[in-house]
Amino acid sequence: MDMIQAVIDAGVKIDTCFIDTVGIADSYRLKLEREFEGHGIKFVVEKKADAKYAPCSAASVVAKVSRDSILESWDWSETSFESVDGKNYGSGYPSDPICKAWLEKNFSDLVFCFPDLVRFSWGPVKQIVNERGIKVQWEAEEDEDDLNSTAHNQTSMNSFLIPTGKRKVGVVGHKRDGGGMQIKKNRFRFFDRKELNAVTKIVEM
C-alpha cells in the first residue's frame, strides 16, 4: 500500500493494479479498495499473478534482481555472528541445495538460532529450529482464559471520577442488570486533591 501511495503521490494515474498474493485474495482486494477508494483503481488480486499478467511478471523480475543485489552486499546486524561459507547462500531460497547447506552450517545460537537475514517462516528453517534449538516456554503474568473471564469486570475511568459527596467507603459489589457481580472502586485521592472531575461537556472558546 505504501508503494501504491508513493506512485499516486508522484502524480501517476493508476487504472489497474495487479497484486500477486499468497493469502486470501478477496480479503486483500477489499482492503485495497477501501484504502484507495475514490482513486478509480481496479485491483486484480490473484495467486500466481506473476504467471498470468505481464506487469506482475516484470515486477517479479525487478524484485528478484533487487533481492540478489541486497543479498550480495548484506551487512550482518549481529556483531558476534561469523558466517560459515561467508555469503555463499546460493539463491537464498530453501529449495536451493546451496542455501539449505548454508542454513545447516550457520545455526549459530541455541535460542535465536539464525541471524535476522533468515526467514523463520520457511519450512526447512522451522525444522532446524525445532530439532536443534532450545525449547523455550514463555509465561505470561496471567493466563488468557483468566483475562477473558475478568475482562467484563474492568472499570472505566469514569468510575474513579465520582463526585466526593456521592462516594461510598470501601469496595462495593452490586448486581449488574444482566446478573453477575461488578466491582466498583473508590475514587482515587489524587483526583480529589487536583479537583478533577469527568468531562461532561466541551465548550469552544
Foldseek 3Di string as FASTA:
>chain_A
DVVVVVCVVVVDQAQEDEAADPDDFVVVQVVVCVVPPPSNYHYHYDHPVLVVDVVSVVVVVVVLVVVVVCLVPPDFPPPPFDFDVHSQLPSLDCVDPSVLVSLVRRLDDQAVRHGPVHDCVDPSNVVCNVVRHDDDDDDDPDDPVVCVVCVVQDDDPQLLQDPPVPFDPDWDWDADPVGDIHIGDYHDVVCVVVVHHDDDDDDDD
